[in-house]
Amino acid sequence: MATVAPSYQFRSFSSTYAANDNESGGPAPYFARQQESREVELGKRLDALLASEAASGLEDGDGEKEARRWKLVGEGVAVEKMWRFGSFGIAREFMNEIFEKASKERHHPELINTYNKVLLRWTTHQLPPTQDAGLSWKDLNMAEFCDKVGSRLVEKGKKEKRAKLEKAKEKGQEG
């Protein structure tokens, strides 16, 4: 049985990624060395995450479709995604759920919040001293968790918006 070389590479953190770019022109994934034994499985999960279109609250008029998906950034060592929620309160609820899970998992995101928008980035910064940083199982697990929470809260925001519109419509008919 012939073995197929995986499309994912382990490389020195300081190396340039230009030679390892994937077909889409973006950086090749850079997995943490501790992940070597399960590289193919990790690669399949990463492919599924990058292809996922879990609700982000961003609409077609907000930019390219890819902006609503997870993408590889930082020379392939991280994944990031942006969400837009119905209000700051819902964005805060999203961040609180992520913070709670991150504390339990002892794995924390890079996060930027601007009113109802949240940009999250997952990467593994520190591993045992002899190992490189990069993408790990924890990053993908947390990104998948974010998609579940984010999708639920995007829908919550849409429901709240519809309820407000209905209420305003009813008020307009009364007067």
N, C-alpha and C. Protein backbone atom coordinates (compact mmCIF):
# COMPACT_ATOMS: atom_id res chain seq x y z
N MET A 1 0.84 -1.17 0.00
CA MET A 1 0.00 0.00 0.00
C MET A 1 0.89 1.24 0.00
N ALA A 2 0.68 2.12 -0.96
CA ALA A 2 1.48 3.34 -1.07
C ALA A 2 0.96 4.39 -0.11
N THR A 3 1.88 5.12 0.47
CA THR A 3 1.47 6.21 1.36
C THR A 3 1.44 7.51 0.58
N VAL A 4 0.51 8.36 0.94
CA VAL A 4 0.35 9.65 0.29
C VAL A 4 0.93 10.72 1.20
N ALA A 5 1.79 11.53 0.66
CA ALA A 5 2.39 12.59 1.46
C ALA A 5 1.32 13.63 1.78
N PRO A 6 1.19 14.02 3.05
CA PRO A 6 0.19 15.02 3.41
C PRO A 6 0.56 16.38 2.82
N SER A 7 -0.47 17.21 2.63
CA SER A 7 -0.23 18.54 2.08
C SER A 7 0.21 19.52 3.16
N TYR A 8 0.21 19.09 4.41
CA TYR A 8 0.58 19.95 5.52
C TYR A 8 2.03 19.69 5.88
N GLN A 9 2.73 20.72 6.24
CA GLN A 9 4.14 20.57 6.53
C GLN A 9 4.45 21.12 7.90
N PHE A 10 5.41 20.48 8.55
CA PHE A 10 5.97 21.01 9.76
C PHE A 10 7.22 21.75 9.33
N ARG A 11 7.35 22.97 9.77
CA ARG A 11 8.50 23.76 9.34
C ARG A 11 8.96 24.64 10.47
N SER A 12 10.13 25.09 10.36
CA SER A 12 10.69 25.97 11.38
C SER A 12 9.85 27.23 11.46
N PHE A 13 9.59 27.70 12.67
CA PHE A 13 8.78 28.90 12.86
C PHE A 13 9.39 30.09 12.13
N SER A 14 10.71 30.15 12.05
CA SER A 14 11.35 31.30 11.44
C SER A 14 11.47 31.19 9.92
N SER A 15 11.10 30.05 9.35
CA SER A 15 11.23 29.90 7.90
C SER A 15 10.20 30.74 7.16
N THR A 16 10.49 31.06 5.92
CA THR A 16 9.51 31.79 5.13
C THR A 16 8.49 30.80 4.64
N TYR A 17 7.29 31.26 4.40
CA TYR A 17 6.24 30.34 3.98
C TYR A 17 5.95 30.44 2.50
N ALA A 18 6.59 31.32 1.79
CA ALA A 18 6.28 31.52 0.37
C ALA A 18 6.38 30.22 -0.42
N ALA A 19 7.38 29.42 -0.13
CA ALA A 19 7.56 28.18 -0.88
C ALA A 19 6.52 27.13 -0.51
N ASN A 20 5.84 27.33 0.63
CA ASN A 20 4.87 26.35 1.11
C ASN A 20 3.43 26.81 0.92
N ASP A 21 3.23 27.92 0.19
CA ASP A 21 1.87 28.42 0.01
C ASP A 21 0.97 27.36 -0.59
N ASN A 22 -0.29 27.35 -0.17
CA ASN A 22 -1.23 26.39 -0.72
C ASN A 22 -1.79 26.90 -2.04
N GLU A 23 -2.62 26.11 -2.68
CA GLU A 23 -3.14 26.44 -4.01
C GLU A 23 -3.93 27.74 -4.03
N SER A 24 -4.54 28.11 -2.91
CA SER A 24 -5.35 29.33 -2.89
C SER A 24 -4.50 30.58 -2.76
N GLY A 25 -3.21 30.42 -2.65
CA GLY A 25 -2.33 31.57 -2.55
C GLY A 25 -2.09 32.01 -1.12
N GLY A 26 -2.74 31.39 -0.16
CA GLY A 26 -2.54 31.73 1.24
C GLY A 26 -1.43 30.90 1.84
N PRO A 27 -1.12 31.16 3.10
CA PRO A 27 -0.05 30.42 3.75
C PRO A 27 -0.42 28.96 3.96
N ALA A 28 0.58 28.10 3.95
CA ALA A 28 0.37 26.69 4.28
C ALA A 28 0.19 26.59 5.80
N PRO A 29 -0.64 25.67 6.26
CA PRO A 29 -0.81 25.53 7.71
C PRO A 29 0.52 25.15 8.36
N TYR A 30 0.72 25.65 9.54
CA TYR A 30 1.93 25.37 10.30
C TYR A 30 1.49 24.76 11.61
N PHE A 31 1.60 23.44 11.72
CA PHE A 31 1.15 22.73 12.91
C PHE A 31 2.28 22.65 13.92
N ALA A 32 1.92 22.72 15.18
CA ALA A 32 2.89 22.57 16.25
C ALA A 32 3.51 21.18 16.18
N ARG A 33 4.79 21.08 16.49
CA ARG A 33 5.51 19.80 16.37
C ARG A 33 4.88 18.68 17.19
N GLN A 34 4.27 19.01 18.31
CA GLN A 34 3.67 17.96 19.12
C GLN A 34 2.50 17.28 18.41
N GLN A 35 2.06 17.83 17.29
CA GLN A 35 0.92 17.29 16.55
C GLN A 35 1.33 16.32 15.45
N GLU A 36 2.65 16.12 15.23
CA GLU A 36 3.14 15.33 14.10
C GLU A 36 2.48 13.97 13.94
N SER A 37 2.28 13.25 15.02
CA SER A 37 1.77 11.89 14.91
C SER A 37 0.34 11.84 14.37
N ARG A 38 -0.39 12.94 14.44
CA ARG A 38 -1.78 12.96 13.98
C ARG A 38 -1.98 14.04 12.93
N GLU A 39 -0.95 14.28 12.15
CA GLU A 39 -0.96 15.36 11.17
C GLU A 39 -2.10 15.25 10.17
N VAL A 40 -2.35 14.07 9.63
CA VAL A 40 -3.38 13.91 8.60
C VAL A 40 -4.76 14.18 9.19
N GLU A 41 -5.01 13.65 10.38
CA GLU A 41 -6.31 13.88 11.04
C GLU A 41 -6.49 15.36 11.36
N LEU A 42 -5.46 16.00 11.85
CA LEU A 42 -5.51 17.43 12.15
C LEU A 42 -5.75 18.23 10.87
N GLY A 43 -5.09 17.83 9.80
CA GLY A 43 -5.27 18.51 8.51
C GLY A 43 -6.69 18.40 8.00
N LYS A 44 -7.31 17.24 8.16
CA LYS A 44 -8.70 17.07 7.72
C LYS A 44 -9.65 17.95 8.54
N ARG A 45 -9.41 18.03 9.83
CA ARG A 45 -10.26 18.89 10.67
C ARG A 45 -10.07 20.35 10.30
N LEU A 46 -8.83 20.74 10.00
CA LEU A 46 -8.57 22.12 9.59
C LEU A 46 -9.27 22.41 8.27
N ASP A 47 -9.19 21.49 7.31
CA ASP A 47 -9.87 21.69 6.03
C ASP A 47 -11.37 21.90 6.23
N ALA A 48 -11.97 21.07 7.10
CA ALA A 48 -13.41 21.19 7.37
C ALA A 48 -13.73 22.54 8.02
N LEU A 49 -12.89 22.97 8.94
CA LEU A 49 -13.11 24.26 9.61
C LEU A 49 -13.01 25.40 8.61
N LEU A 50 -12.01 25.38 7.75
CA LEU A 50 -11.83 26.46 6.78
C LEU A 50 -12.95 26.50 5.74
N ALA A 51 -13.58 25.35 5.48
CA ALA A 51 -14.67 25.29 4.50
C ALA A 51 -16.03 25.59 5.13
N SER A 52 -16.11 25.53 6.44
CA SER A 52 -17.37 25.72 7.15
C SER A 52 -17.94 27.12 6.93
N GLU A 53 -19.25 27.18 6.80
CA GLU A 53 -19.93 28.46 6.66
C GLU A 53 -20.88 28.69 7.83
N ALA A 54 -20.42 28.35 9.03
CA ALA A 54 -21.23 28.59 10.22
C ALA A 54 -21.56 30.08 10.31
N ALA A 55 -22.75 30.38 10.76
CA ALA A 55 -23.22 31.77 10.81
C ALA A 55 -22.23 32.67 11.54
N SER A 56 -21.94 33.81 10.92
CA SER A 56 -21.05 34.78 11.52
C SER A 56 -21.72 36.13 11.71
N GLY A 57 -22.91 36.29 11.14
CA GLY A 57 -23.60 37.57 11.22
C GLY A 57 -23.20 38.54 10.13
N LEU A 58 -22.19 38.18 9.34
CA LEU A 58 -21.77 39.03 8.23
C LEU A 58 -22.59 38.65 7.01
N GLU A 59 -23.03 39.63 6.26
CA GLU A 59 -23.88 39.41 5.10
C GLU A 59 -23.09 39.66 3.82
N ASP A 60 -23.67 39.29 2.67
CA ASP A 60 -23.00 39.46 1.38
C ASP A 60 -22.53 40.89 1.15
N GLY A 61 -23.30 41.87 1.56
CA GLY A 61 -22.93 43.26 1.36
C GLY A 61 -21.76 43.71 2.23
N ASP A 62 -21.35 42.87 3.18
CA ASP A 62 -20.27 43.24 4.09
C ASP A 62 -18.89 42.93 3.53
N GLY A 63 -18.81 42.31 2.40
CA GLY A 63 -17.51 41.95 1.85
C GLY A 63 -17.55 40.57 1.25
N GLU A 64 -16.39 40.05 1.00
CA GLU A 64 -16.29 38.75 0.36
C GLU A 64 -16.83 37.64 1.24
N LYS A 65 -17.31 36.61 0.58
CA LYS A 65 -17.85 35.45 1.29
C LYS A 65 -16.80 34.85 2.24
N GLU A 66 -15.54 34.85 1.80
CA GLU A 66 -14.47 34.26 2.60
C GLU A 66 -14.28 34.99 3.93
N ALA A 67 -14.70 36.25 4.00
CA ALA A 67 -14.56 37.02 5.25
C ALA A 67 -15.42 36.41 6.35
N ARG A 68 -16.42 35.61 5.97
CA ARG A 68 -17.31 35.01 6.97
C ARG A 68 -16.81 33.65 7.43
N ARG A 69 -15.71 33.20 6.90
CA ARG A 69 -15.16 31.88 7.25
C ARG A 69 -13.89 32.04 8.08
N TRP A 70 -13.49 30.95 8.70
CA TRP A 70 -12.18 30.90 9.33
C TRP A 70 -11.14 30.98 8.23
N LYS A 71 -10.04 31.65 8.51
CA LYS A 71 -8.95 31.70 7.54
C LYS A 71 -7.63 31.55 8.26
N LEU A 72 -6.65 31.02 7.54
CA LEU A 72 -5.29 30.90 8.07
C LEU A 72 -4.64 32.26 8.02
N VAL A 73 -3.98 32.65 9.09
CA VAL A 73 -3.28 33.92 9.15
C VAL A 73 -1.95 33.73 9.86
N GLY A 74 -1.15 34.78 9.87
CA GLY A 74 0.11 34.74 10.60
C GLY A 74 1.05 33.68 10.07
N GLU A 75 1.22 33.65 8.77
CA GLU A 75 2.09 32.67 8.11
C GLU A 75 1.64 31.23 8.39
N GLY A 76 0.34 31.04 8.57
CA GLY A 76 -0.21 29.70 8.75
C GLY A 76 -0.20 29.18 10.16
N VAL A 77 0.17 30.02 11.15
CA VAL A 77 0.24 29.55 12.53
C VAL A 77 -1.04 29.81 13.32
N ALA A 78 -2.04 30.45 12.70
CA ALA A 78 -3.25 30.80 13.43
C ALA A 78 -4.46 30.74 12.50
N VAL A 79 -5.64 30.64 13.10
CA VAL A 79 -6.90 30.77 12.38
C VAL A 79 -7.66 31.92 13.01
N GLU A 80 -8.40 32.68 12.17
CA GLU A 80 -9.20 33.78 12.71
C GLU A 80 -10.50 33.91 11.96
N LYS A 81 -11.47 34.52 12.65
CA LYS A 81 -12.79 34.74 12.07
C LYS A 81 -13.43 35.94 12.76
N MET A 82 -14.28 36.65 12.00
CA MET A 82 -15.02 37.77 12.57
C MET A 82 -16.51 37.44 12.62
N TRP A 83 -17.16 37.90 13.69
CA TRP A 83 -18.60 37.78 13.85
C TRP A 83 -19.18 39.18 14.01
N ARG A 84 -20.44 39.34 13.59
CA ARG A 84 -21.20 40.55 13.89
C ARG A 84 -22.51 40.11 14.50
N PHE A 85 -22.78 40.63 15.67
CA PHE A 85 -23.98 40.26 16.42
C PHE A 85 -24.99 41.40 16.39
N GLY A 86 -26.19 41.14 16.87
CA GLY A 86 -27.27 42.12 16.83
C GLY A 86 -27.07 43.31 17.74
N SER A 87 -26.20 43.16 18.74
CA SER A 87 -25.98 44.25 19.69
C SER A 87 -24.68 44.01 20.44
N PHE A 88 -24.25 45.03 21.16
CA PHE A 88 -23.06 44.87 22.00
C PHE A 88 -23.32 43.83 23.09
N GLY A 89 -24.53 43.81 23.62
CA GLY A 89 -24.87 42.84 24.67
C GLY A 89 -24.68 41.40 24.21
N ILE A 90 -25.10 41.11 22.98
CA ILE A 90 -24.95 39.75 22.46
C ILE A 90 -23.47 39.47 22.17
N ALA A 91 -22.75 40.46 21.67
CA ALA A 91 -21.30 40.29 21.46
C ALA A 91 -20.61 39.98 22.79
N ARG A 92 -21.02 40.69 23.84
CA ARG A 92 -20.45 40.45 25.17
C ARG A 92 -20.80 39.04 25.66
N GLU A 93 -22.03 38.61 25.40
CA GLU A 93 -22.44 37.25 25.77
C GLU A 93 -21.56 36.21 25.07
N PHE A 94 -21.29 36.43 23.78
CA PHE A 94 -20.40 35.56 23.01
C PHE A 94 -19.02 35.52 23.66
N MET A 95 -18.46 36.69 23.92
CA MET A 95 -17.12 36.74 24.51
C MET A 95 -17.09 36.06 25.87
N ASN A 96 -18.11 36.26 26.69
CA ASN A 96 -18.15 35.63 28.01
C ASN A 96 -18.16 34.11 27.91
N GLU A 97 -18.95 33.57 26.96
CA GLU A 97 -18.97 32.11 26.79
C GLU A 97 -17.62 31.59 26.32
N ILE A 98 -16.97 32.35 25.42
CA ILE A 98 -15.65 31.94 24.93
C ILE A 98 -14.64 32.01 26.08
N PHE A 99 -14.69 33.10 26.86
CA PHE A 99 -13.75 33.25 27.98
C PHE A 99 -13.91 32.12 29.00
N GLU A 100 -15.16 31.76 29.29
CA GLU A 100 -15.41 30.69 30.26
C GLU A 100 -14.81 29.37 29.78
N LYS A 101 -15.09 29.02 28.53
CA LYS A 101 -14.55 27.78 27.96
C LYS A 101 -13.02 27.85 27.87
N ALA A 102 -12.49 28.99 27.46
CA ALA A 102 -11.04 29.15 27.33
C ALA A 102 -10.35 28.96 28.68
N SER A 103 -10.97 29.46 29.73
CA SER A 103 -10.39 29.29 31.07
C SER A 103 -10.37 27.83 31.48
N LYS A 104 -11.45 27.12 31.19
CA LYS A 104 -11.51 25.69 31.51
C LYS A 104 -10.47 24.90 30.72
N GLU A 105 -10.28 25.27 29.46
CA GLU A 105 -9.34 24.57 28.58
C GLU A 105 -7.90 25.05 28.74
N ARG A 106 -7.75 26.16 29.46
CA ARG A 106 -6.43 26.78 29.64
C ARG A 106 -5.79 27.11 28.28
N HIS A 107 -6.63 27.71 27.44
CA HIS A 107 -6.19 28.09 26.09
C HIS A 107 -6.97 29.35 25.71
N HIS A 108 -6.28 30.45 25.53
CA HIS A 108 -6.95 31.74 25.39
C HIS A 108 -6.74 32.36 24.02
N PRO A 109 -7.76 33.04 23.51
CA PRO A 109 -7.69 33.63 22.16
C PRO A 109 -7.07 35.02 22.16
N GLU A 110 -6.72 35.45 20.98
CA GLU A 110 -6.48 36.86 20.73
C GLU A 110 -7.84 37.38 20.29
N LEU A 111 -8.28 38.51 20.83
CA LEU A 111 -9.64 38.97 20.60
C LEU A 111 -9.67 40.48 20.45
N ILE A 112 -10.45 40.93 19.47
CA ILE A 112 -10.70 42.36 19.30
C ILE A 112 -12.21 42.55 19.25
N ASN A 113 -12.72 43.47 20.05
CA ASN A 113 -14.16 43.75 20.08
C ASN A 113 -14.39 45.22 19.75
N THR A 114 -15.25 45.48 18.78
CA THR A 114 -15.69 46.83 18.45
C THR A 114 -17.21 46.81 18.39
N TYR A 115 -17.84 47.33 19.42
CA TYR A 115 -19.28 47.34 19.59
C TYR A 115 -19.88 45.95 19.37
N ASN A 116 -20.50 45.68 18.21
CA ASN A 116 -21.16 44.39 18.02
C ASN A 116 -20.31 43.42 17.20
N LYS A 117 -19.08 43.78 16.88
CA LYS A 117 -18.19 42.91 16.10
C LYS A 117 -17.11 42.32 17.01
N VAL A 118 -16.80 41.05 16.75
CA VAL A 118 -15.76 40.36 17.50
C VAL A 118 -14.87 39.63 16.50
N LEU A 119 -13.56 39.88 16.59
CA LEU A 119 -12.57 39.17 15.80
C LEU A 119 -11.79 38.27 16.74
N LEU A 120 -11.78 36.97 16.44
CA LEU A 120 -11.08 36.00 17.28
C LEU A 120 -9.98 35.34 16.48
N ARG A 121 -8.85 35.11 17.14
CA ARG A 121 -7.72 34.40 16.53
C ARG A 121 -7.25 33.33 17.51
N TRP A 122 -7.08 32.12 16.99
CA TRP A 122 -6.58 31.00 17.80
C TRP A 122 -5.23 30.56 17.27
N THR A 123 -4.28 30.41 18.16
CA THR A 123 -2.97 29.86 17.86
C THR A 123 -2.39 29.32 19.16
N THR A 124 -1.45 28.43 19.06
CA THR A 124 -0.79 27.91 20.25
C THR A 124 0.55 28.61 20.37
N HIS A 125 0.66 29.49 21.36
CA HIS A 125 1.85 30.31 21.54
C HIS A 125 3.00 29.56 22.20
N GLN A 126 2.69 28.84 23.27
CA GLN A 126 3.75 28.19 24.04
C GLN A 126 3.52 26.70 24.15
N LEU A 127 4.55 25.98 23.80
CA LEU A 127 4.58 24.54 23.95
C LEU A 127 5.84 24.20 24.72
N PRO A 128 6.09 22.94 25.04
CA PRO A 128 7.35 22.61 25.72
C PRO A 128 8.54 23.25 25.00
N PRO A 129 9.58 23.61 25.74
CA PRO A 129 10.68 24.43 25.22
C PRO A 129 11.31 23.97 23.90
N THR A 130 11.32 22.69 23.62
CA THR A 130 11.97 22.23 22.40
C THR A 130 11.04 22.17 21.20
N GLN A 131 9.80 22.58 21.36
CA GLN A 131 8.83 22.47 20.29
C GLN A 131 8.40 23.84 19.78
N ASP A 132 8.11 23.88 18.48
CA ASP A 132 7.64 25.12 17.88
C ASP A 132 6.19 25.39 18.25
N ALA A 133 5.81 26.65 18.15
CA ALA A 133 4.41 27.02 18.29
C ALA A 133 3.73 26.76 16.94
N GLY A 134 2.42 26.92 16.88
CA GLY A 134 1.67 26.73 15.65
C GLY A 134 0.26 26.29 15.96
N LEU A 135 -0.44 25.75 14.99
CA LEU A 135 -1.81 25.26 15.20
C LEU A 135 -1.78 23.94 15.95
N SER A 136 -2.74 23.78 16.85
CA SER A 136 -2.84 22.55 17.64
C SER A 136 -4.30 22.12 17.73
N TRP A 137 -4.51 20.97 18.33
CA TRP A 137 -5.86 20.46 18.54
C TRP A 137 -6.69 21.46 19.33
N LYS A 138 -6.08 22.07 20.33
CA LYS A 138 -6.83 23.03 21.15
C LYS A 138 -7.37 24.18 20.30
N ASP A 139 -6.56 24.64 19.34
CA ASP A 139 -7.02 25.75 18.48
C ASP A 139 -8.25 25.34 17.69
N LEU A 140 -8.21 24.15 17.10
CA LEU A 140 -9.35 23.70 16.29
C LEU A 140 -10.56 23.41 17.16
N ASN A 141 -10.35 22.82 18.32
CA ASN A 141 -11.47 22.56 19.24
C ASN A 141 -12.14 23.86 19.64
N MET A 142 -11.34 24.86 19.97
CA MET A 142 -11.91 26.14 20.40
C MET A 142 -12.57 26.87 19.23
N ALA A 143 -12.00 26.78 18.03
CA ALA A 143 -12.62 27.41 16.86
C ALA A 143 -13.98 26.78 16.58
N GLU A 144 -14.07 25.46 16.68
CA GLU A 144 -15.35 24.78 16.48
C GLU A 144 -16.35 25.18 17.55
N PHE A 145 -15.89 25.31 18.78
CA PHE A 145 -16.77 25.77 19.87
C PHE A 145 -17.27 27.18 19.56
N CYS A 146 -16.38 28.05 19.09
CA CYS A 146 -16.77 29.43 18.74
C CYS A 146 -17.86 29.43 17.67
N ASP A 147 -17.73 28.55 16.67
CA ASP A 147 -18.75 28.48 15.62
C ASP A 147 -20.11 28.10 16.20
N LYS A 148 -20.13 27.14 17.12
CA LYS A 148 -21.40 26.72 17.72
C LYS A 148 -22.04 27.88 18.51
N VAL A 149 -21.24 28.50 19.35
CA VAL A 149 -21.75 29.60 20.17
C VAL A 149 -22.13 30.78 19.28
N GLY A 150 -21.24 31.12 18.34
CA GLY A 150 -21.48 32.25 17.45
C GLY A 150 -22.74 32.09 16.63
N SER A 151 -22.94 30.90 16.05
CA SER A 151 -24.13 30.65 15.24
C SER A 151 -25.41 30.82 16.06
N ARG A 152 -25.38 30.28 17.27
CA ARG A 152 -26.56 30.39 18.15
C ARG A 152 -26.86 31.85 18.48
N LEU A 153 -25.82 32.62 18.79
CA LEU A 153 -26.03 34.01 19.19
C LEU A 153 -26.32 34.93 18.01
N VAL A 154 -25.82 34.62 16.82
CA VAL A 154 -26.20 35.38 15.63
C VAL A 154 -27.70 35.22 15.40
N GLU A 155 -28.19 34.00 15.52
CA GLU A 155 -29.63 33.74 15.37
C GLU A 155 -30.43 34.45 16.45
N LYS A 156 -29.92 34.47 17.67
CA LYS A 156 -30.60 35.17 18.76
C LYS A 156 -30.74 36.66 18.41
N GLY A 157 -29.70 37.25 17.88
CA GLY A 157 -29.74 38.65 17.47
C GLY A 157 -30.75 38.91 16.38
N LYS A 158 -30.83 37.98 15.42
CA LYS A 158 -31.81 38.13 14.33
C LYS A 158 -33.23 38.05 14.87
N LYS A 159 -33.47 37.14 15.82
CA LYS A 159 -34.80 37.02 16.42
C LYS A 159 -35.16 38.28 17.19
N GLU A 160 -34.21 38.81 17.93
CA GLU A 160 -34.47 40.05 18.68
C GLU A 160 -34.78 41.20 17.73
N LYS A 161 -34.07 41.28 16.62
CA LYS A 161 -34.31 42.34 15.63
C LYS A 161 -35.70 42.20 15.02
N ARG A 162 -36.09 40.96 14.67
CA ARG A 162 -37.43 40.73 14.12
C ARG A 162 -38.51 41.12 15.12
N ALA A 163 -38.29 40.77 16.40
CA ALA A 163 -39.27 41.10 17.44
C ALA A 163 -39.41 42.62 17.59
N LYS A 164 -38.30 43.35 17.52
CA LYS A 164 -38.35 44.81 17.61
C LYS A 164 -39.11 45.40 16.43
N LEU A 165 -38.86 44.86 15.23
CA LEU A 165 -39.55 45.35 14.03
C LEU A 165 -41.05 45.08 14.12
N GLU A 166 -41.43 43.89 14.60
CA GLU A 166 -42.84 43.56 14.78
C GLU A 166 -43.49 44.49 15.79
N LYS A 167 -42.79 44.75 16.88
CA LYS A 167 -43.32 45.63 17.92
C LYS A 167 -43.52 47.04 17.36
N ALA A 168 -42.54 47.53 16.62
CA ALA A 168 -42.63 48.87 16.02
C ALA A 168 -43.78 48.91 15.01
N LYS A 169 -43.95 47.84 14.25
CA LYS A 169 -45.01 47.76 13.26
C LYS A 169 -46.37 47.81 13.94
N GLU A 170 -46.51 47.05 15.03
CA GLU A 170 -47.78 47.04 15.78
C GLU A 170 -48.06 48.41 16.38
N LYS A 171 -47.02 49.06 16.89
CA LYS A 171 -47.17 50.38 17.49
C LYS A 171 -47.63 51.38 16.42
N GLY A 172 -47.06 51.25 15.22
CA GLY A 172 -47.44 52.14 14.11
C GLY A 172 -48.90 51.94 13.67
N GLN A 173 -49.41 50.73 13.77
CA GLN A 173 -50.79 50.45 13.39
C GLN A 173 -51.77 50.94 14.44
N GLU A 174 -51.32 51.00 15.70
CA GLU A 174 -52.18 51.46 16.77
C GLU A 174 -52.43 52.96 16.70
N GLY A 175 -51.42 53.70 16.24
CA GLY A 175 -51.50 55.15 16.27
C GLY A 175 -52.15 55.73 15.10
